[in-house]
Amino acid sequence: MSIQGLLVSVTVICLTVITYSHAKTVIFQPPPLTSYVNYHTNVAAELANLGHDVWISLPYFMLERNIVKDKPVKIIEYGKELGNIELMLYKNTAVLDKFWAGESSPNFFSLYATAVEFIKIAP
C-alpha cells in the first residue's frame, strides 16, 4: 500500500469514527491573555450555536471582567489564588513597554521571559 493510500484510509476511518461517535463536547483552554480568550470565545460561541456542548477554561480575574458574554458557553474557573496573571506577565516581562518604545525584542527572549513568569506561579 502506498503512503497516499494509507493516508486516505486513515482519513476515512477518522471521519467515520467522528461521525458515529457523536462527539459534541468541545473544551477550549486558551492562554490567560485577553486577546486569546476573545478569539476562543467567538469560536466557542459559534460551535455552541451549531449544537455542541462547549466549555472554556478561564482564570478567575477574567470572570470578574465578564469577558465571556455568550450564555451557551460554559465556563471552567481556575486560578483564584493566582490573581491577575495577565497584568503580572506584562509587568514583569515589559513586552508592551519594549514594543511601544520601538525596541526590538527577539521572539525567543520574549517567549523565555513569559515561560519564566508562568513557571514562577506553577505549583
PDB file of N, CA and C in Angstrom:
ATOM      1  N   MET A   1       0.853  -1.178   0.000  1.00  0.00           N
ATOM      2  CA  MET A   1       0.000   0.000   0.000  1.00  0.00           C
ATOM      3  C   MET A   1       0.896   1.237   0.000  1.00  0.00           C
ATOM      4  N   SER A   2       0.536   2.212  -0.798  1.00  0.00           N
ATOM      5  CA  SER A   2       1.329   3.438  -0.870  1.00  0.00           C
ATOM      6  C   SER A   2       1.008   4.338   0.319  1.00  0.00           C
ATOM      7  N   ILE A   3       1.852   5.324   0.511  1.00  0.00           N
ATOM      8  CA  ILE A   3       1.631   6.297   1.599  1.00  0.00           C
ATOM      9  C   ILE A   3       0.326   7.047   1.368  1.00  0.00           C
ATOM     10  N   GLN A   4       0.070   7.415   0.123  1.00  0.00           N
ATOM     11  CA  GLN A   4      -1.153   8.152  -0.187  1.00  0.00           C
ATOM     12  C   GLN A   4      -2.386   7.301   0.137  1.00  0.00           C
ATOM     13  N   GLY A   5      -2.341   6.029  -0.219  1.00  0.00           N
ATOM     14  CA  GLY A   5      -3.457   5.135   0.090  1.00  0.00           C
ATOM     15  C   GLY A   5      -3.663   4.974   1.585  1.00  0.00           C
ATOM     16  N   LEU A   6      -2.549   4.887   2.312  1.00  0.00           N
ATOM     17  CA  LEU A   6      -2.622   4.778   3.764  1.00  0.00           C
ATOM     18  C   LEU A   6      -3.249   6.026   4.376  1.00  0.00           C
ATOM     19  N   LEU A   7      -2.825   7.208   3.910  1.00  0.00           N
ATOM     20  CA  LEU A   7      -3.376   8.458   4.438  1.00  0.00           C
ATOM     21  C   LEU A   7      -4.862   8.588   4.134  1.00  0.00           C
ATOM     22  N   VAL A   8      -5.269   8.182   2.939  1.00  0.00           N
ATOM     23  CA  VAL A   8      -6.691   8.235   2.592  1.00  0.00           C
ATOM     24  C   VAL A   8      -7.481   7.288   3.494  1.00  0.00           C
ATOM     25  N   SER A   9      -6.952   6.097   3.722  1.00  0.00           N
ATOM     26  CA  SER A   9      -7.630   5.126   4.591  1.00  0.00           C
ATOM     27  C   SER A   9      -7.772   5.650   6.013  1.00  0.00           C
ATOM     28  N   VAL A  10      -6.704   6.223   6.543  1.00  0.00           N
ATOM     29  CA  VAL A  10      -6.740   6.776   7.899  1.00  0.00           C
ATOM     30  C   VAL A  10      -7.741   7.920   7.979  1.00  0.00           C
ATOM     31  N   THR A  11      -7.773   8.776   6.961  1.00  0.00           N
ATOM     32  CA  THR A  11      -8.711   9.900   6.939  1.00  0.00           C
ATOM     33  C   THR A  11     -10.151   9.403   6.935  1.00  0.00           C
ATOM     34  N   VAL A  12     -10.443   8.412   6.109  1.00  0.00           N
ATOM     35  CA  VAL A  12     -11.800   7.861   6.040  1.00  0.00           C
ATOM     36  C   VAL A  12     -12.195   7.238   7.378  1.00  0.00           C
ATOM     37  N   ILE A  13     -11.286   6.515   7.990  1.00  0.00           N
ATOM     38  CA  ILE A  13     -11.574   5.894   9.289  1.00  0.00           C
ATOM     39  C   ILE A  13     -11.843   6.965  10.344  1.00  0.00           C
ATOM     40  N   CYS A  14     -11.005   8.003  10.379  1.00  0.00           N
ATOM     41  CA  CYS A  14     -11.190   9.079  11.368  1.00  0.00           C
ATOM     42  C   CYS A  14     -12.522   9.786  11.171  1.00  0.00           C
ATOM     43  N   LEU A  15     -12.869  10.092   9.929  1.00  0.00           N
ATOM     44  CA  LEU A  15     -14.141  10.767   9.669  1.00  0.00           C
ATOM     45  C   LEU A  15     -15.326   9.886  10.045  1.00  0.00           C
ATOM     46  N   THR A  16     -15.212   8.598   9.804  1.00  0.00           N
ATOM     47  CA  THR A  16     -16.278   7.668  10.173  1.00  0.00           C
ATOM     48  C   THR A  16     -16.438   7.593  11.690  1.00  0.00           C
ATOM     49  N   VAL A  17     -15.330   7.493  12.399  1.00  0.00           N
ATOM     50  CA  VAL A  17     -15.375   7.419  13.860  1.00  0.00           C
ATOM     51  C   VAL A  17     -15.960   8.699  14.439  1.00  0.00           C
ATOM     52  N   ILE A  18     -15.529   9.841  13.923  1.00  0.00           N
ATOM     53  CA  ILE A  18     -16.046  11.120  14.424  1.00  0.00           C
ATOM     54  C   ILE A  18     -17.546  11.224  14.174  1.00  0.00           C
ATOM     55  N   THR A  19     -17.987  10.798  12.991  1.00  0.00           N
ATOM     56  CA  THR A  19     -19.405  10.889  12.640  1.00  0.00           C
ATOM     57  C   THR A  19     -20.270  10.028  13.549  1.00  0.00           C
ATOM     58  N   TYR A  20     -19.822   8.818  13.829  1.00  0.00           N
ATOM     59  CA  TYR A  20     -20.642   7.893  14.607  1.00  0.00           C
ATOM     60  C   TYR A  20     -20.421   7.976  16.115  1.00  0.00           C
ATOM     61  N   SER A  21     -19.429   8.697  16.554  1.00  0.00           N
ATOM     62  CA  SER A  21     -19.204   8.802  17.998  1.00  0.00           C
ATOM     63  C   SER A  21     -20.037   9.907  18.629  1.00  0.00           C
ATOM     64  N   HIS A  22     -20.601  10.765  17.810  1.00  0.00           N
ATOM     65  CA  HIS A  22     -21.424  11.875  18.281  1.00  0.00           C
ATOM     66  C   HIS A  22     -20.671  12.737  19.296  1.00  0.00           C
ATOM     67  N   ALA A  23     -19.434  12.997  18.991  1.00  0.00           N
ATOM     68  CA  ALA A  23     -18.606  13.826  19.876  1.00  0.00           C
ATOM     69  C   ALA A  23     -19.084  15.264  19.774  1.00  0.00           C
ATOM     70  N   LYS A  24     -19.765  15.713  20.797  1.00  0.00           N
ATOM     71  CA  LYS A  24     -20.311  17.056  20.757  1.00  0.00           C
ATOM     72  C   LYS A  24     -19.722  17.973  21.819  1.00  0.00           C
ATOM     73  N   THR A  25     -18.913  17.442  22.704  1.00  0.00           N
ATOM     74  CA  THR A  25     -18.334  18.263  23.760  1.00  0.00           C
ATOM     75  C   THR A  25     -16.987  18.797  23.308  1.00  0.00           C
ATOM     76  N   VAL A  26     -16.832  20.116  23.388  1.00  0.00           N
ATOM     77  CA  VAL A  26     -15.588  20.776  22.993  1.00  0.00           C
ATOM     78  C   VAL A  26     -15.108  21.598  24.182  1.00  0.00           C
ATOM     79  N   ILE A  27     -13.822  21.459  24.512  1.00  0.00           N
ATOM     80  CA  ILE A  27     -13.248  22.204  25.634  1.00  0.00           C
ATOM     81  C   ILE A  27     -12.120  23.081  25.108  1.00  0.00           C
ATOM     82  N   PHE A  28     -12.192  24.375  25.395  1.00  0.00           N
ATOM     83  CA  PHE A  28     -11.156  25.323  24.997  1.00  0.00           C
ATOM     84  C   PHE A  28     -10.285  25.651  26.206  1.00  0.00           C
ATOM     85  N   GLN A  29      -8.984  25.698  26.000  1.00  0.00           N
ATOM     86  CA  GLN A  29      -8.019  26.054  27.046  1.00  0.00           C
ATOM     87  C   GLN A  29      -7.107  27.157  26.499  1.00  0.00           C
ATOM     88  N   PRO A  30      -7.626  28.391  26.374  1.00  0.00           N
ATOM     89  CA  PRO A  30      -6.781  29.458  25.830  1.00  0.00           C
ATOM     90  C   PRO A  30      -5.757  29.940  26.857  1.00  0.00           C
ATOM     91  N   PRO A  31      -4.653  30.516  26.385  1.00  0.00           N
ATOM     92  CA  PRO A  31      -3.715  31.149  27.322  1.00  0.00           C
ATOM     93  C   PRO A  31      -4.443  32.274  28.064  1.00  0.00           C
ATOM     94  N   PRO A  32      -4.029  32.599  29.282  1.00  0.00           N
ATOM     95  CA  PRO A  32      -4.758  33.598  30.075  1.00  0.00           C
ATOM     96  C   PRO A  32      -4.460  35.038  29.652  1.00  0.00           C
ATOM     97  N   LEU A  33      -4.624  35.323  28.376  1.00  0.00           N
ATOM     98  CA  LEU A  33      -4.436  36.667  27.836  1.00  0.00           C
ATOM     99  C   LEU A  33      -5.725  37.066  27.122  1.00  0.00           C
ATOM    100  N   THR A  34      -6.147  38.304  27.301  1.00  0.00           N
ATOM    101  CA  THR A  34      -7.448  38.752  26.816  1.00  0.00           C
ATOM    102  C   THR A  34      -7.644  38.518  25.325  1.00  0.00           C
ATOM    103  N   SER A  35      -6.644  38.802  24.508  1.00  0.00           N
ATOM    104  CA  SER A  35      -6.810  38.652  23.064  1.00  0.00           C
ATOM    105  C   SER A  35      -7.090  37.204  22.682  1.00  0.00           C
ATOM    106  N   TYR A  36      -6.397  36.271  23.309  1.00  0.00           N
ATOM    107  CA  TYR A  36      -6.629  34.857  23.020  1.00  0.00           C
ATOM    108  C   TYR A  36      -8.013  34.422  23.500  1.00  0.00           C
ATOM    109  N   VAL A  37      -8.396  34.881  24.666  1.00  0.00           N
ATOM    110  CA  VAL A  37      -9.698  34.499  25.220  1.00  0.00           C
ATOM    111  C   VAL A  37     -10.825  35.045  24.347  1.00  0.00           C
ATOM    112  N   ASN A  38     -10.692  36.281  23.867  1.00  0.00           N
ATOM    113  CA  ASN A  38     -11.717  36.847  22.983  1.00  0.00           C
ATOM    114  C   ASN A  38     -11.871  36.011  21.718  1.00  0.00           C
ATOM    115  N   TYR A  39     -10.752  35.642  21.120  1.00  0.00           N
ATOM    116  CA  TYR A  39     -10.791  34.834  19.897  1.00  0.00           C
ATOM    117  C   TYR A  39     -11.433  33.471  20.165  1.00  0.00           C
ATOM    118  N   HIS A  40     -10.970  32.789  21.215  1.00  0.00           N
ATOM    119  CA  HIS A  40     -11.506  31.466  21.525  1.00  0.00           C
ATOM    120  C   HIS A  40     -12.988  31.532  21.903  1.00  0.00           C
ATOM    121  N   THR A  41     -13.396  32.613  22.556  1.00  0.00           N
ATOM    122  CA  THR A  41     -14.798  32.772  22.931  1.00  0.00           C
ATOM    123  C   THR A  41     -15.682  32.885  21.696  1.00  0.00           C
ATOM    124  N   ASN A  42     -15.226  33.626  20.693  1.00  0.00           N
ATOM    125  CA  ASN A  42     -16.009  33.755  19.462  1.00  0.00           C
ATOM    126  C   ASN A  42     -16.178  32.406  18.765  1.00  0.00           C
ATOM    127  N   VAL A  43     -15.103  31.636  18.691  1.00  0.00           N
ATOM    128  CA  VAL A  43     -15.176  30.305  18.079  1.00  0.00           C
ATOM    129  C   VAL A  43     -16.076  29.395  18.916  1.00  0.00           C
ATOM    130  N   ALA A  44     -15.936  29.469  20.235  1.00  0.00           N
ATOM    131  CA  ALA A  44     -16.753  28.643  21.133  1.00  0.00           C
ATOM    132  C   ALA A  44     -18.237  28.964  20.972  1.00  0.00           C
ATOM    133  N   ALA A  45     -18.573  30.240  20.855  1.00  0.00           N
ATOM    134  CA  ALA A  45     -19.974  30.636  20.694  1.00  0.00           C
ATOM    135  C   ALA A  45     -20.549  30.093  19.389  1.00  0.00           C
ATOM    136  N   GLU A  46     -19.773  30.134  18.327  1.00  0.00           N
ATOM    137  CA  GLU A  46     -20.252  29.599  17.048  1.00  0.00           C
ATOM    138  C   GLU A  46     -20.475  28.093  17.125  1.00  0.00           C
ATOM    139  N   LEU A  47     -19.552  27.386  17.770  1.00  0.00           N
ATOM    140  CA  LEU A  47     -19.729  25.939  17.933  1.00  0.00           C
ATOM    141  C   LEU A  47     -20.951  25.630  18.792  1.00  0.00           C
ATOM    142  N   ALA A  48     -21.178  26.437  19.830  1.00  0.00           N
ATOM    143  CA  ALA A  48     -22.352  26.243  20.685  1.00  0.00           C
ATOM    144  C   ALA A  48     -23.634  26.474  19.883  1.00  0.00           C
ATOM    145  N   ASN A  49     -23.621  27.464  18.999  1.00  0.00           N
ATOM    146  CA  ASN A  49     -24.790  27.724  18.158  1.00  0.00           C
ATOM    147  C   ASN A  49     -25.059  26.584  17.181  1.00  0.00           C
ATOM    148  N   LEU A  50     -24.024  25.813  16.860  1.00  0.00           N
ATOM    149  CA  LEU A  50     -24.191  24.655  15.974  1.00  0.00           C
ATOM    150  C   LEU A  50     -24.631  23.400  16.740  1.00  0.00           C
ATOM    151  N   GLY A  51     -24.795  23.526  18.060  1.00  0.00           N
ATOM    152  CA  GLY A  51     -25.316  22.417  18.846  1.00  0.00           C
ATOM    153  C   GLY A  51     -24.305  21.674  19.693  1.00  0.00           C
ATOM    154  N   HIS A  52     -23.076  22.142  19.746  1.00  0.00           N
ATOM    155  CA  HIS A  52     -22.060  21.483  20.561  1.00  0.00           C
ATOM    156  C   HIS A  52     -22.180  21.915  22.019  1.00  0.00           C
ATOM    157  N   ASP A  53     -21.708  21.065  22.903  1.00  0.00           N
ATOM    158  CA  ASP A  53     -21.611  21.378  24.327  1.00  0.00           C
ATOM    159  C   ASP A  53     -20.216  21.963  24.530  1.00  0.00           C
ATOM    160  N   VAL A  54     -20.117  23.275  24.694  1.00  0.00           N
ATOM    161  CA  VAL A  54     -18.824  23.962  24.676  1.00  0.00           C
ATOM    162  C   VAL A  54     -18.466  24.480  26.062  1.00  0.00           C
ATOM    163  N   TRP A  55     -17.223  24.208  26.454  1.00  0.00           N
ATOM    164  CA  TRP A  55     -16.667  24.668  27.725  1.00  0.00           C
ATOM    165  C   TRP A  55     -15.401  25.456  27.429  1.00  0.00           C
ATOM    166  N   ILE A  56     -15.142  26.495  28.218  1.00  0.00           N
ATOM    167  CA  ILE A  56     -13.905  27.263  28.092  1.00  0.00           C
ATOM    168  C   ILE A  56     -13.357  27.494  29.501  1.00  0.00           C
ATOM    169  N   SER A  57     -12.060  27.286  29.667  1.00  0.00           N
ATOM    170  CA  SER A  57     -11.465  27.498  30.993  1.00  0.00           C
ATOM    171  C   SER A  57     -10.906  28.913  31.069  1.00  0.00           C
ATOM    172  N   LEU A  58     -11.231  29.581  32.164  1.00  0.00           N
ATOM    173  CA  LEU A  58     -10.805  30.966  32.356  1.00  0.00           C
ATOM    174  C   LEU A  58     -10.277  31.169  33.766  1.00  0.00           C
ATOM    175  N   PRO A  59      -9.224  31.990  33.902  1.00  0.00           N
ATOM    176  CA  PRO A  59      -8.777  32.344  35.248  1.00  0.00           C
ATOM    177  C   PRO A  59      -9.815  33.257  35.911  1.00  0.00           C
ATOM    178  N   TYR A  60      -9.810  33.252  37.218  1.00  0.00           N
ATOM    179  CA  TYR A  60     -10.820  33.974  37.989  1.00  0.00           C
ATOM    180  C   TYR A  60     -10.871  35.466  37.647  1.00  0.00           C
ATOM    181  N   PHE A  61      -9.704  36.093  37.425  1.00  0.00           N
ATOM    182  CA  PHE A  61      -9.710  37.537  37.178  1.00  0.00           C
ATOM    183  C   PHE A  61     -10.455  37.885  35.887  1.00  0.00           C
ATOM    184  N   MET A  62     -10.525  36.961  34.945  1.00  0.00           N
ATOM    185  CA  MET A  62     -11.273  37.224  33.712  1.00  0.00           C
ATOM    186  C   MET A  62     -12.772  37.056  33.924  1.00  0.00           C
ATOM    187  N   LEU A  63     -13.156  36.227  34.874  1.00  0.00           N
ATOM    188  CA  LEU A  63     -14.579  36.093  35.195  1.00  0.00           C
ATOM    189  C   LEU A  63     -15.112  37.398  35.775  1.00  0.00           C
ATOM    190  N   GLU A  64     -14.294  38.049  36.583  1.00  0.00           N
ATOM    191  CA  GLU A  64     -14.701  39.322  37.175  1.00  0.00           C
ATOM    192  C   GLU A  64     -14.927  40.389  36.111  1.00  0.00           C
ATOM    193  N   ARG A  65     -14.170  40.316  35.017  1.00  0.00           N
ATOM    194  CA  ARG A  65     -14.306  41.295  33.927  1.00  0.00           C
ATOM    195  C   ARG A  65     -15.405  40.917  32.943  1.00  0.00           C
ATOM    196  N   ASN A  66     -16.024  39.755  33.139  1.00  0.00           N
ATOM    197  CA  ASN A  66     -17.150  39.302  32.318  1.00  0.00           C
ATOM    198  C   ASN A  66     -16.806  39.298  30.824  1.00  0.00           C
ATOM    199  N   ILE A  67     -15.704  38.655  30.484  1.00  0.00           N
ATOM    200  CA  ILE A  67     -15.265  38.607  29.090  1.00  0.00           C
ATOM    201  C   ILE A  67     -16.170  37.701  28.257  1.00  0.00           C
ATOM    202  N   VAL A  68     -16.579  36.572  28.812  1.00  0.00           N
ATOM    203  CA  VAL A  68     -17.442  35.639  28.080  1.00  0.00           C
ATOM    204  C   VAL A  68     -18.889  36.026  28.341  1.00  0.00           C
ATOM    205  N   LYS A  69     -19.540  36.553  27.317  1.00  0.00           N
ATOM    206  CA  LYS A  69     -20.909  37.023  27.468  1.00  0.00           C
ATOM    207  C   LYS A  69     -21.925  36.062  26.844  1.00  0.00           C
ATOM    208  N   ASP A  70     -21.440  35.051  26.136  1.00  0.00           N
ATOM    209  CA  ASP A  70     -22.332  34.115  25.463  1.00  0.00           C
ATOM    210  C   ASP A  70     -22.842  33.069  26.451  1.00  0.00           C
ATOM    211  N   LYS A  71     -24.151  32.984  26.580  1.00  0.00           N
ATOM    212  CA  LYS A  71     -24.765  32.076  27.555  1.00  0.00           C
ATOM    213  C   LYS A  71     -24.530  30.596  27.250  1.00  0.00           C
ATOM    214  N   PRO A  72     -24.529  30.164  25.981  1.00  0.00           N
ATOM    215  CA  PRO A  72     -24.367  28.722  25.751  1.00  0.00           C
ATOM    216  C   PRO A  72     -22.965  28.193  26.053  1.00  0.00           C
ATOM    217  N   VAL A  73     -22.000  29.069  26.206  1.00  0.00           N
ATOM    218  CA  VAL A  73     -20.625  28.643  26.501  1.00  0.00           C
ATOM    219  C   VAL A  73     -20.483  28.499  28.014  1.00  0.00           C
ATOM    220  N   LYS A  74     -20.156  27.293  28.456  1.00  0.00           N
ATOM    221  CA  LYS A  74     -19.987  27.037  29.889  1.00  0.00           C
ATOM    222  C   LYS A  74     -18.547  27.344  30.291  1.00  0.00           C
ATOM    223  N   ILE A  75     -18.353  27.757  31.530  1.00  0.00           N
ATOM    224  CA  ILE A  75     -17.040  28.218  31.981  1.00  0.00           C
ATOM    225  C   ILE A  75     -16.489  27.293  33.060  1.00  0.00           C
ATOM    226  N   ILE A  76     -15.207  26.954  32.902  1.00  0.00           N
ATOM    227  CA  ILE A  76     -14.464  26.224  33.924  1.00  0.00           C
ATOM    228  C   ILE A  76     -13.527  27.244  34.568  1.00  0.00           C
ATOM    229  N   GLU A  77     -13.742  27.529  35.830  1.00  0.00           N
ATOM    230  CA  GLU A  77     -12.967  28.561  36.532  1.00  0.00           C
ATOM    231  C   GLU A  77     -11.733  27.951  37.189  1.00  0.00           C
ATOM    232  N   TYR A  78     -10.625  28.689  37.126  1.00  0.00           N
ATOM    233  CA  TYR A  78      -9.409  28.256  37.827  1.00  0.00           C
ATOM    234  C   TYR A  78      -8.603  29.480  38.248  1.00  0.00           C
ATOM    235  N   GLY A  79      -7.675  29.284  39.159  1.00  0.00           N
ATOM    236  CA  GLY A  79      -6.681  30.291  39.496  1.00  0.00           C
ATOM    237  C   GLY A  79      -7.133  31.474  40.321  1.00  0.00           C
ATOM    238  N   LYS A  80      -8.062  31.281  41.232  1.00  0.00           N
ATOM    239  CA  LYS A  80      -8.490  32.402  42.075  1.00  0.00           C
ATOM    240  C   LYS A  80      -7.320  32.931  42.903  1.00  0.00           C
ATOM    241  N   GLU A  81      -6.454  32.025  43.351  1.00  0.00           N
ATOM    242  CA  GLU A  81      -5.310  32.416  44.186  1.00  0.00           C
ATOM    243  C   GLU A  81      -4.170  33.028  43.381  1.00  0.00           C
ATOM    244  N   LEU A  82      -4.225  32.949  42.059  1.00  0.00           N
ATOM    245  CA  LEU A  82      -3.131  33.464  41.225  1.00  0.00           C
ATOM    246  C   LEU A  82      -3.214  34.963  40.978  1.00  0.00           C
ATOM    247  N   GLY A  83      -4.373  35.546  41.153  1.00  0.00           N
ATOM    248  CA  GLY A  83      -4.523  36.970  40.885  1.00  0.00           C
ATOM    249  C   GLY A  83      -4.605  37.230  39.383  1.00  0.00           C
ATOM    250  N   ASN A  84      -4.259  38.446  38.988  1.00  0.00           N
ATOM    251  CA  ASN A  84      -4.317  38.841  37.581  1.00  0.00           C
ATOM    252  C   ASN A  84      -3.035  38.400  36.876  1.00  0.00           C
ATOM    253  N   ILE A  85      -3.079  37.236  36.268  1.00  0.00           N
ATOM    254  CA  ILE A  85      -1.904  36.662  35.606  1.00  0.00           C
ATOM    255  C   ILE A  85      -1.454  37.542  34.446  1.00  0.00           C
ATOM    256  N   GLU A  86      -2.404  38.069  33.699  1.00  0.00           N
ATOM    257  CA  GLU A  86      -2.087  38.878  32.524  1.00  0.00           C
ATOM    258  C   GLU A  86      -1.318  40.137  32.915  1.00  0.00           C
ATOM    259  N   LEU A  87      -1.793  40.838  33.921  1.00  0.00           N
ATOM    260  CA  LEU A  87      -1.125  42.056  34.377  1.00  0.00           C
ATOM    261  C   LEU A  87       0.277  41.753  34.889  1.00  0.00           C
ATOM    262  N   MET A  88       0.407  40.688  35.666  1.00  0.00           N
ATOM    263  CA  MET A  88       1.714  40.297  36.187  1.00  0.00           C
ATOM    264  C   MET A  88       2.676  39.962  35.050  1.00  0.00           C
ATOM    265  N   LEU A  89       2.185  39.258  34.050  1.00  0.00           N
ATOM    266  CA  LEU A  89       3.018  38.871  32.916  1.00  0.00           C
ATOM    267  C   LEU A  89       3.520  40.098  32.163  1.00  0.00           C
ATOM    268  N   TYR A  90       2.618  41.018  31.849  1.00  0.00           N
ATOM    269  CA  TYR A  90       3.032  42.217  31.116  1.00  0.00           C
ATOM    270  C   TYR A  90       3.962  43.098  31.945  1.00  0.00           C
ATOM    271  N   LYS A  91       3.700  43.164  33.248  1.00  0.00           N
ATOM    272  CA  LYS A  91       4.534  43.997  34.121  1.00  0.00           C
ATOM    273  C   LYS A  91       5.947  43.427  34.258  1.00  0.00           C
ATOM    274  N   ASN A  92       6.056  42.127  34.472  1.00  0.00           N
ATOM    275  CA  ASN A  92       7.364  41.517  34.723  1.00  0.00           C
ATOM    276  C   ASN A  92       8.198  41.295  33.470  1.00  0.00           C
ATOM    277  N   THR A  93       7.560  41.112  32.318  1.00  0.00           N
ATOM    278  CA  THR A  93       8.329  40.900  31.088  1.00  0.00           C
ATOM    279  C   THR A  93       8.541  42.192  30.314  1.00  0.00           C
ATOM    280  N   ALA A  94       7.745  43.209  30.571  1.00  0.00           N
ATOM    281  CA  ALA A  94       7.835  44.516  29.897  1.00  0.00           C
ATOM    282  C   ALA A  94       7.769  44.392  28.381  1.00  0.00           C
ATOM    283  N   VAL A  95       7.047  43.414  27.892  1.00  0.00           N
ATOM    284  CA  VAL A  95       6.932  43.206  26.449  1.00  0.00           C
ATOM    285  C   VAL A  95       6.251  44.396  25.784  1.00  0.00           C
ATOM    286  N   LEU A  96       5.160  44.883  26.366  1.00  0.00           N
ATOM    287  CA  LEU A  96       4.452  46.015  25.766  1.00  0.00           C
ATOM    288  C   LEU A  96       5.273  47.291  25.814  1.00  0.00           C
ATOM    289  N   ASP A  97       5.961  47.519  26.924  1.00  0.00           N
ATOM    290  CA  ASP A  97       6.798  48.720  27.031  1.00  0.00           C
ATOM    291  C   ASP A  97       7.894  48.714  25.976  1.00  0.00           C
ATOM    292  N   LYS A  98       8.510  47.573  25.776  1.00  0.00           N
ATOM    293  CA  LYS A  98       9.559  47.462  24.755  1.00  0.00           C
ATOM    294  C   LYS A  98       8.987  47.679  23.363  1.00  0.00           C
ATOM    295  N   PHE A  99       7.796  47.160  23.135  1.00  0.00           N
ATOM    296  CA  PHE A  99       7.167  47.322  21.826  1.00  0.00           C
ATOM    297  C   PHE A  99       6.892  48.792  21.534  1.00  0.00           C
ATOM    298  N   TRP A 100       6.261  49.504  22.487  1.00  0.00           N
ATOM    299  CA  TRP A 100       5.912  50.900  22.262  1.00  0.00           C
ATOM    300  C   TRP A 100       7.130  51.809  22.277  1.00  0.00           C
ATOM    301  N   ALA A 101       8.217  51.379  22.893  1.00  0.00           N
ATOM    302  CA  ALA A 101       9.459  52.159  22.873  1.00  0.00           C
ATOM    303  C   ALA A 101      10.223  51.947  21.568  1.00  0.00           C
ATOM    304  N   GLY A 102       9.745  51.035  20.739  1.00  0.00           N
ATOM    305  CA  GLY A 102      10.402  50.789  19.461  1.00  0.00           C
ATOM    306  C   GLY A 102      11.593  49.858  19.559  1.00  0.00           C
ATOM    307  N   GLU A 103      11.780  49.253  20.722  1.00  0.00           N
ATOM    308  CA  GLU A 103      12.893  48.320  20.880  1.00  0.00           C
ATOM    309  C   GLU A 103      12.526  46.990  20.229  1.00  0.00           C
ATOM    310  N   SER A 104      13.498  46.408  19.593  1.00  0.00           N
ATOM    311  CA  SER A 104      13.229  45.092  19.014  1.00  0.00           C
ATOM    312  C   SER A 104      13.501  44.047  20.090  1.00  0.00           C
ATOM    313  N   SER A 105      12.508  43.257  20.364  1.00  0.00           N
ATOM    314  CA  SER A 105      12.706  42.184  21.338  1.00  0.00           C
ATOM    315  C   SER A 105      12.696  40.871  20.573  1.00  0.00           C
ATOM    316  N   PRO A 106      13.774  40.134  20.621  1.00  0.00           N
ATOM    317  CA  PRO A 106      13.800  38.851  19.911  1.00  0.00           C
ATOM    318  C   PRO A 106      12.685  37.940  20.408  1.00  0.00           C
ATOM    319  N   ASN A 107      12.084  37.233  19.489  1.00  0.00           N
ATOM    320  CA  ASN A 107      10.961  36.360  19.846  1.00  0.00           C
ATOM    321  C   ASN A 107      11.339  35.336  20.900  1.00  0.00           C
ATOM    322  N   PHE A 108      12.536  34.770  20.781  1.00  0.00           N
ATOM    323  CA  PHE A 108      12.947  33.747  21.738  1.00  0.00           C
ATOM    324  C   PHE A 108      13.035  34.334  23.141  1.00  0.00           C
ATOM    325  N   PHE A 109      13.584  35.550  23.269  1.00  0.00           N
ATOM    326  CA  PHE A 109      13.691  36.180  24.582  1.00  0.00           C
ATOM    327  C   PHE A 109      12.308  36.435  25.171  1.00  0.00           C
ATOM    328  N   SER A 110      11.382  36.901  24.355  1.00  0.00           N
ATOM    329  CA  SER A 110      10.025  37.163  24.840  1.00  0.00           C
ATOM    330  C   SER A 110       9.355  35.881  25.317  1.00  0.00           C
ATOM    331  N   LEU A 111       9.518  34.814  24.545  1.00  0.00           N
ATOM    332  CA  LEU A 111       8.939  33.535  24.949  1.00  0.00           C
ATOM    333  C   LEU A 111       9.589  33.012  26.226  1.00  0.00           C
ATOM    334  N   TYR A 112      10.892  33.180  26.327  1.00  0.00           N
ATOM    335  CA  TYR A 112      11.606  32.725  27.524  1.00  0.00           C
ATOM    336  C   TYR A 112      11.127  33.495  28.755  1.00  0.00           C
ATOM    337  N   ALA A 113      11.016  34.818  28.626  1.00  0.00           N
ATOM    338  CA  ALA A 113      10.570  35.639  29.755  1.00  0.00           C
ATOM    339  C   ALA A 113       9.152  35.258  30.178  1.00  0.00           C
ATOM    340  N   THR A 114       8.300  34.989  29.208  1.00  0.00           N
ATOM    341  CA  THR A 114       6.933  34.573  29.509  1.00  0.00           C
ATOM    342  C   THR A 114       6.924  33.220  30.211  1.00  0.00           C
ATOM    343  N   ALA A 115       7.725  32.290  29.717  1.00  0.00           N
ATOM    344  CA  ALA A 115       7.803  30.960  30.334  1.00  0.00           C
ATOM    345  C   ALA A 115       8.297  31.048  31.768  1.00  0.00           C
ATOM    346  N   VAL A 116       9.271  31.914  32.017  1.00  0.00           N
ATOM    347  CA  VAL A 116       9.795  32.083  33.376  1.00  0.00           C
ATOM    348  C   VAL A 116       8.692  32.562  34.313  1.00  0.00           C
ATOM    349  N   GLU A 117       7.863  33.500  33.850  1.00  0.00           N
ATOM    350  CA  GLU A 117       6.779  34.010  34.692  1.00  0.00           C
ATOM    351  C   GLU A 117       5.751  32.922  35.000  1.00  0.00           C
ATOM    352  N   PHE A 118       5.425  32.105  34.008  1.00  0.00           N
ATOM    353  CA  PHE A 118       4.465  31.031  34.250  1.00  0.00           C
ATOM    354  C   PHE A 118       5.049  29.964  35.165  1.00  0.00           C
ATOM    355  N   ILE A 119       6.336  29.712  35.066  1.00  0.00           N
ATOM    356  CA  ILE A 119       6.975  28.728  35.945  1.00  0.00           C
ATOM    357  C   ILE A 119       6.967  29.221  37.394  1.00  0.00           C
ATOM    358  N   LYS A 120       7.105  30.526  37.585  1.00  0.00           N
ATOM    359  CA  LYS A 120       7.083  31.085  38.944  1.00  0.00           C
ATOM    360  C   LYS A 120       5.755  30.810  39.649  1.00  0.00           C
ATOM    361  N   ILE A 121       4.653  30.834  38.896  1.00  0.00           N
ATOM    362  CA  ILE A 121       3.348  30.655  39.533  1.00  0.00           C
ATOM    363  C   ILE A 121       2.891  29.206  39.536  1.00  0.00           C
ATOM    364  N   ALA A 122       3.633  28.327  38.872  1.00  0.00           N
ATOM    365  CA  ALA A 122       3.263  26.905  38.849  1.00  0.00           C
ATOM    366  C   ALA A 122       3.484  26.299  40.233  1.00  0.00           C
ATOM    367  N   PRO A 123       2.606  25.367  40.613  1.00  0.00           N
ATOM    368  CA  PRO A 123       2.752  24.763  41.945  1.00  0.00           C
ATOM    369  C   PRO A 123       3.962  23.858  42.043  1.00  0.00           C
TER     370      PRO A 123
END
